[in-house]
Amino acid sequence: MKTFLFLFLYNSFVYGLILSASWKDAHLLPLQTEKIKVLDIKELVFPQESRFYGISDLAYKNEKLYALSDKGVLFLLSLKIQNEKISSLQLKQTYLLKNKKNKILKKNKTDAEGLCFKGDNLLISFERKHRIDLYNTKGQKLQKIKLHPYLQNKKHFLRKNKGLESVIYSKKYGILTTPELEKEGSSLHTLFSQKKLYRFFAKGSVTALEFINENTLLVLTREFHYVTRKRVTQLYSLYLDKCKDEKCRSEELASFKSEDGFNIDNFEGLTKVSKNRYLMISDDNGSFLQKTLIVLFEVIP
């Protein structure tokens, strides 16, 4: 009863509240590589009561930006971009993810990682309980998605927390996902549709996917060295129409390394906001030692 009352009061409070992010300007230098141009980067700071932390992915459509927390929370935000800068970001609604019976997900099922639109609804991929489900934009589950047969066996995942960090959809290729990492130290990854697979090379763990055009994916990867504490964030293009023997061409677009002075954190989320323009966001893991950074950048054709 106490839990129900808390959730009722919490939802009543947040649903009626519009919170604006305060931020600090941050820097990601150099601002341009041959293929990537960083336009803006902000360190987001929302009030603690917003629960806006642990952000694992983004999805944008019709001027609405959704953010997903790995604690099983979906956020609706309003975003304004002016003069190639993020001019405002407001939290409009907060939804706790619920199952088909409209009950809040149990703790062991809330590790939500990947987010994208499929029509007017949202696909969400999960770790630990490896799965992809279809949700409405208010966070209620509509349908369980059938995975490629290989992904239906949990033994094929390296570890519980190396699961389905990313998901993306197109009418041509259907639902696409990939385990974060297949083998320690390996740069070979496998992208799965529901029936096919595509293999490609990219350094690090895959944390997000987005389409650049009909046949080309933008792939976000990360590397973290526990001893040196060094971080590496990389962006790749993956050409799904340039494959031979299931191996597809990939190309590194940018590599940002903390040891070179880049202001980077644990980047996990990616979404397209306009032609050649994207947002990337970091997961602060709910730690005061980390930051929620949001980056607006351009992929140069």
Protein backbone atom coordinates (compact mmCIF):
# COMPACT_ATOMS: atom_id res chain seq x y z
CA MET A 1 0.00 0.00 0.00
CA LYS A 2 2.86 2.38 0.89
CA THR A 3 4.59 1.61 -2.42
CA PHE A 4 1.40 2.30 -4.36
CA LEU A 5 0.85 5.58 -2.53
CA PHE A 6 4.44 6.69 -3.18
CA LEU A 7 4.19 5.92 -6.90
CA PHE A 8 0.82 7.68 -7.15
CA LEU A 9 2.15 10.80 -5.48
CA TYR A 10 5.38 10.67 -7.48
CA ASN A 11 3.61 10.33 -10.81
CA SER A 12 1.08 13.03 -9.93
CA PHE A 13 3.94 15.36 -9.07
CA VAL A 14 6.15 14.73 -12.09
CA TYR A 15 3.39 14.48 -14.71
CA GLY A 16 2.27 18.00 -13.94
CA LEU A 17 5.76 19.44 -13.80
CA ILE A 18 7.81 20.94 -16.61
CA LEU A 19 11.49 20.97 -15.70
CA SER A 20 14.10 22.84 -17.69
CA ALA A 21 17.63 21.54 -17.82
CA SER A 22 20.36 23.79 -16.58
CA TRP A 23 23.69 23.15 -18.19
CA LYS A 24 27.29 23.97 -18.49
CA ASP A 25 28.89 24.43 -21.88
CA ALA A 26 31.41 21.68 -22.45
CA HIS A 27 34.01 21.13 -25.13
CA LEU A 28 34.82 18.21 -27.38
CA LEU A 29 37.94 19.13 -29.33
CA PRO A 30 38.82 19.09 -32.13
CA LEU A 31 35.36 20.18 -33.19
CA GLN A 32 35.65 18.58 -36.62
CA THR A 33 37.11 15.48 -38.20
CA GLU A 34 36.92 14.65 -41.89
CA LYS A 35 33.48 13.03 -41.43
CA ILE A 36 32.09 14.42 -38.14
CA LYS A 37 31.51 18.03 -37.08
CA VAL A 38 30.59 18.64 -33.44
CA LEU A 39 28.17 21.58 -33.27
CA ASP A 40 27.37 21.76 -29.56
CA ILE A 41 27.89 19.88 -26.30
CA LYS A 42 26.17 20.49 -22.99
CA GLU A 43 26.38 18.98 -19.53
CA LEU A 44 22.74 18.47 -18.49
CA VAL A 45 21.65 19.04 -14.92
CA PHE A 46 18.01 18.36 -14.00
CA PRO A 47 16.60 18.64 -10.45
CA GLN A 48 17.06 15.42 -8.48
CA GLU A 49 13.33 14.77 -8.26
CA SER A 50 13.15 14.37 -12.04
CA ARG A 51 14.98 11.01 -11.87
CA PHE A 52 16.68 12.03 -15.11
CA TYR A 53 19.84 9.93 -14.84
CA GLY A 54 21.20 6.68 -16.22
CA ILE A 55 20.10 7.70 -19.74
CA SER A 56 20.78 4.85 -22.15
CA ASP A 57 19.22 6.00 -25.45
CA LEU A 58 17.24 8.65 -27.33
CA ALA A 59 14.50 8.64 -29.99
CA TYR A 60 13.28 11.69 -31.93
CA LYS A 61 10.22 12.15 -34.12
CA ASN A 62 7.87 15.03 -34.99
CA GLU A 63 9.74 17.47 -32.75
CA LYS A 64 9.39 15.15 -29.74
CA LEU A 65 12.47 13.77 -28.03
CA TYR A 66 12.22 10.65 -25.86
CA ALA A 67 14.96 9.56 -23.48
CA LEU A 68 15.22 6.14 -21.84
CA SER A 69 16.72 5.35 -18.45
CA ASP A 70 18.18 1.95 -17.64
CA LYS A 71 16.09 2.12 -14.47
CA GLY A 72 12.94 1.54 -16.52
CA VAL A 73 11.87 5.16 -16.96
CA LEU A 74 10.81 6.88 -20.20
CA PHE A 75 11.02 10.68 -20.51
CA LEU A 76 9.34 13.00 -23.01
CA LEU A 77 11.28 16.21 -23.66
CA SER A 78 10.87 19.28 -25.82
CA LEU A 79 14.01 20.23 -27.70
CA LYS A 80 14.88 23.47 -29.45
CA ILE A 81 17.89 23.83 -31.72
CA GLN A 82 18.77 27.29 -33.00
CA ASN A 83 21.83 28.41 -34.94
CA GLU A 84 23.33 24.93 -34.70
CA LYS A 85 23.11 25.03 -30.89
CA ILE A 86 20.86 23.36 -28.31
CA SER A 87 18.92 26.38 -27.10
CA SER A 88 16.51 24.68 -24.68
CA LEU A 89 15.62 21.26 -23.33
CA GLN A 90 12.57 20.75 -21.12
CA LEU A 91 11.29 17.64 -19.40
CA LYS A 92 7.56 17.43 -20.17
CA GLN A 93 6.47 13.98 -18.98
CA THR A 94 7.86 11.01 -17.09
CA TYR A 95 6.57 7.44 -17.48
CA LEU A 96 7.55 4.31 -15.57
CA LEU A 97 7.70 1.33 -17.94
CA LYS A 98 4.76 -1.03 -17.44
CA ASN A 99 3.84 -4.50 -18.68
CA LYS A 100 0.76 -5.42 -20.71
CA LYS A 101 -1.28 -5.63 -17.51
CA ASN A 102 -0.36 -2.00 -16.75
CA LYS A 103 1.87 -2.99 -13.82
CA ILE A 104 5.26 -1.37 -13.27
CA LEU A 105 8.11 -3.62 -14.39
CA LYS A 106 9.86 -5.62 -11.70
CA LYS A 107 13.36 -4.46 -10.84
CA ASN A 108 15.07 -7.39 -12.56
CA LYS A 109 13.31 -6.49 -15.84
CA THR A 110 13.98 -2.73 -15.95
CA ASP A 111 17.46 -2.66 -17.55
CA ALA A 112 16.25 -0.82 -20.64
CA GLU A 113 19.04 0.09 -23.06
CA GLY A 114 17.94 0.69 -26.67
CA LEU A 115 15.17 2.93 -27.97
CA CYS A 116 13.74 3.75 -31.41
CA PHE A 117 10.47 4.48 -33.15
CA LYS A 118 8.48 1.86 -35.05
CA GLY A 119 5.56 3.78 -36.50
CA ASP A 120 4.00 5.76 -33.68
CA ASN A 121 5.26 3.36 -31.00
CA LEU A 122 8.63 2.64 -29.45
CA LEU A 123 10.87 -0.41 -29.59
CA ILE A 124 12.89 -0.95 -26.40
CA SER A 125 15.74 -3.43 -26.04
CA PHE A 126 16.84 -4.80 -22.67
CA GLU A 127 19.88 -6.34 -21.04
CA ARG A 128 20.04 -9.08 -18.39
CA LYS A 129 16.58 -10.30 -19.39
CA HIS A 130 17.62 -10.07 -23.04
CA ARG A 131 14.61 -9.05 -25.15
CA ILE A 132 12.98 -6.41 -27.36
CA ASP A 133 9.44 -5.23 -26.67
CA LEU A 134 7.12 -2.76 -28.37
CA TYR A 135 5.78 0.03 -26.12
CA ASN A 136 3.48 2.96 -26.61
CA THR A 137 4.81 6.46 -26.01
CA LYS A 138 3.42 6.42 -22.45
CA GLY A 139 5.59 3.48 -21.48
CA GLN A 140 3.12 0.60 -21.61
CA LYS A 141 4.11 -2.65 -23.27
CA LEU A 142 2.10 -3.61 -26.33
CA GLN A 143 3.88 -6.62 -27.78
CA LYS A 144 6.84 -8.96 -27.34
CA ILE A 145 9.14 -8.99 -30.37
CA LYS A 146 10.44 -12.30 -31.68
CA LEU A 147 14.23 -12.29 -31.91
CA HIS A 148 16.56 -14.01 -34.35
CA PRO A 149 16.86 -17.68 -33.28
CA TYR A 150 20.50 -17.19 -32.21
CA LEU A 151 19.52 -14.46 -29.73
CA GLN A 152 16.81 -16.59 -28.17
CA ASN A 153 19.49 -18.63 -26.36
CA LYS A 154 20.87 -16.66 -23.38
CA LYS A 155 24.05 -18.75 -23.50
CA HIS A 156 25.00 -16.90 -26.69
CA PHE A 157 25.50 -13.65 -24.74
CA LEU A 158 28.94 -12.93 -23.33
CA ARG A 159 27.53 -11.76 -19.98
CA LYS A 160 24.22 -10.59 -18.55
CA ASN A 161 25.24 -6.94 -18.93
CA LYS A 162 26.58 -7.40 -22.47
CA GLY A 163 23.18 -7.77 -24.05
CA LEU A 164 21.00 -5.83 -26.44
CA GLU A 165 22.25 -2.27 -25.87
CA SER A 166 20.78 -1.01 -29.13
CA VAL A 167 17.83 -1.38 -31.48
CA ILE A 168 16.83 0.34 -34.73
CA TYR A 169 14.05 -0.14 -37.28
CA SER A 170 13.40 0.52 -40.97
CA LYS A 171 10.75 -0.76 -43.37
CA LYS A 172 13.46 -2.21 -45.60
CA TYR A 173 15.54 -4.06 -42.99
CA GLY A 174 13.00 -4.52 -40.21
CA ILE A 175 14.13 -4.59 -36.56
CA LEU A 176 17.91 -4.64 -36.14
CA THR A 177 19.89 -5.23 -32.95
CA THR A 178 23.30 -6.42 -31.82
CA PRO A 179 24.82 -7.66 -28.56
CA GLU A 180 27.06 -5.02 -27.02
CA LEU A 181 30.10 -7.29 -27.24
CA GLU A 182 30.44 -10.85 -28.55
CA LYS A 183 33.93 -11.75 -27.38
CA GLU A 184 36.45 -10.03 -25.13
CA GLY A 185 39.05 -8.17 -27.18
CA SER A 186 37.28 -8.82 -30.48
CA SER A 187 36.28 -6.08 -32.94
CA LEU A 188 33.95 -8.37 -34.86
CA HIS A 189 30.23 -7.78 -34.24
CA THR A 190 27.02 -9.31 -35.56
CA LEU A 191 23.94 -7.28 -36.40
CA PHE A 192 20.74 -9.34 -36.32
CA SER A 193 17.41 -8.82 -38.02
CA GLN A 194 14.66 -11.28 -37.15
CA LYS A 195 15.84 -13.66 -39.88
CA LYS A 196 19.22 -12.45 -41.20
CA LEU A 197 22.58 -11.43 -39.83
CA TYR A 198 25.27 -8.97 -40.90
CA ARG A 199 28.83 -9.10 -39.58
CA PHE A 200 31.09 -6.06 -39.32
CA PHE A 201 34.23 -4.68 -37.67
CA ALA A 202 34.16 -1.87 -35.09
CA LYS A 203 36.42 -1.32 -32.08
CA GLY A 204 34.81 -1.43 -28.67
CA SER A 205 31.30 -2.25 -27.46
CA VAL A 206 28.28 -1.26 -29.56
CA THR A 207 25.96 1.02 -27.57
CA ALA A 208 23.68 2.64 -30.17
CA LEU A 209 22.48 2.46 -33.79
CA GLU A 210 20.83 4.98 -36.10
CA PHE A 211 20.21 5.18 -39.85
CA ILE A 212 22.18 7.71 -41.89
CA ASN A 213 20.28 6.81 -45.04
CA GLU A 214 18.30 3.87 -46.40
CA ASN A 215 21.25 1.46 -46.45
CA THR A 216 23.79 2.96 -44.07
CA LEU A 217 23.86 2.76 -40.29
CA LEU A 218 25.62 5.05 -37.84
CA VAL A 219 27.17 2.90 -35.10
CA LEU A 220 28.25 4.26 -31.70
CA THR A 221 30.85 2.31 -29.72
CA ARG A 222 32.70 2.81 -26.45
CA GLU A 223 35.81 1.50 -24.76
CA PHE A 224 36.65 1.87 -21.08
CA HIS A 225 39.94 0.80 -19.51
CA TYR A 226 39.36 -0.04 -15.84
CA VAL A 227 43.02 0.30 -14.85
CA THR A 228 43.90 3.58 -16.62
CA ARG A 229 40.28 4.95 -16.51
CA LYS A 230 40.70 6.02 -20.14
CA ARG A 231 37.59 6.29 -22.32
CA VAL A 232 37.20 6.07 -26.08
CA THR A 233 34.04 7.01 -28.01
CA GLN A 234 33.87 6.05 -31.68
CA LEU A 235 31.43 6.50 -34.53
CA TYR A 236 31.29 4.18 -37.54
CA SER A 237 29.27 3.97 -40.72
CA LEU A 238 28.03 0.48 -41.60
CA TYR A 239 26.97 -0.23 -45.19
CA LEU A 240 24.24 -2.87 -45.23
CA ASP A 241 24.18 -2.91 -49.04
CA LYS A 242 27.91 -3.62 -49.27
CA CYS A 243 28.21 -7.09 -47.81
CA LYS A 244 30.03 -10.20 -48.96
CA ASP A 245 29.73 -13.57 -47.23
CA GLU A 246 27.71 -11.88 -44.45
CA LYS A 247 30.54 -9.39 -43.75
CA CYS A 248 29.62 -5.79 -44.41
CA ARG A 249 31.83 -2.80 -45.01
CA SER A 250 32.30 -0.45 -42.05
CA GLU A 251 34.24 2.80 -41.80
CA GLU A 252 35.47 4.75 -38.78
CA LEU A 253 34.15 8.32 -38.86
CA ALA A 254 35.56 9.64 -35.60
CA SER A 255 37.44 8.50 -32.50
CA PHE A 256 37.45 10.62 -29.34
CA LYS A 257 39.90 9.57 -26.64
CA SER A 258 39.97 10.97 -23.11
CA GLU A 259 43.78 10.69 -23.10
CA ASP A 260 43.85 13.25 -25.93
CA GLY A 261 41.95 15.76 -23.82
CA PHE A 262 38.42 15.05 -25.04
CA ASN A 263 35.63 15.80 -22.58
CA ILE A 264 33.77 12.49 -22.93
CA ASP A 265 31.83 10.18 -20.70
CA ASN A 266 29.87 6.94 -21.05
CA PHE A 267 28.07 7.64 -24.35
CA GLU A 268 25.22 5.19 -24.94
CA GLY A 269 22.42 6.99 -26.78
CA LEU A 270 22.01 8.22 -30.35
CA THR A 271 19.19 9.64 -32.49
CA LYS A 272 18.73 11.55 -35.74
CA VAL A 273 17.07 14.99 -35.39
CA SER A 274 17.31 16.29 -38.98
CA LYS A 275 19.18 15.63 -42.20
CA ASN A 276 22.78 14.72 -41.27
CA ARG A 277 22.22 16.02 -37.69
CA TYR A 278 22.31 13.76 -34.63
CA LEU A 279 22.20 13.84 -30.85
CA MET A 280 24.40 11.65 -28.67
CA ILE A 281 23.99 11.31 -24.88
CA SER A 282 26.01 9.78 -22.06
CA ASP A 283 24.85 7.58 -19.18
CA ASP A 284 26.07 8.98 -15.85
CA ASN A 285 25.24 5.69 -14.07
CA GLY A 286 23.59 7.75 -11.33
CA SER A 287 27.06 8.67 -10.06
CA PHE A 288 28.22 12.14 -9.03
CA LEU A 289 31.59 11.22 -10.55
CA GLN A 290 30.06 11.06 -14.04
CA LYS A 291 28.10 13.46 -16.24
CA THR A 292 25.09 13.49 -18.53
CA LEU A 293 26.54 15.01 -21.67
CA ILE A 294 24.45 15.69 -24.77
CA VAL A 295 26.20 16.32 -28.08
CA LEU A 296 24.76 17.77 -31.27
CA PHE A 297 26.84 16.79 -34.29
CA GLU A 298 26.74 16.56 -38.06
CA VAL A 299 27.77 13.69 -40.29
CA ILE A 300 29.51 15.23 -43.28
CA PRO A 301 28.34 13.59 -46.55
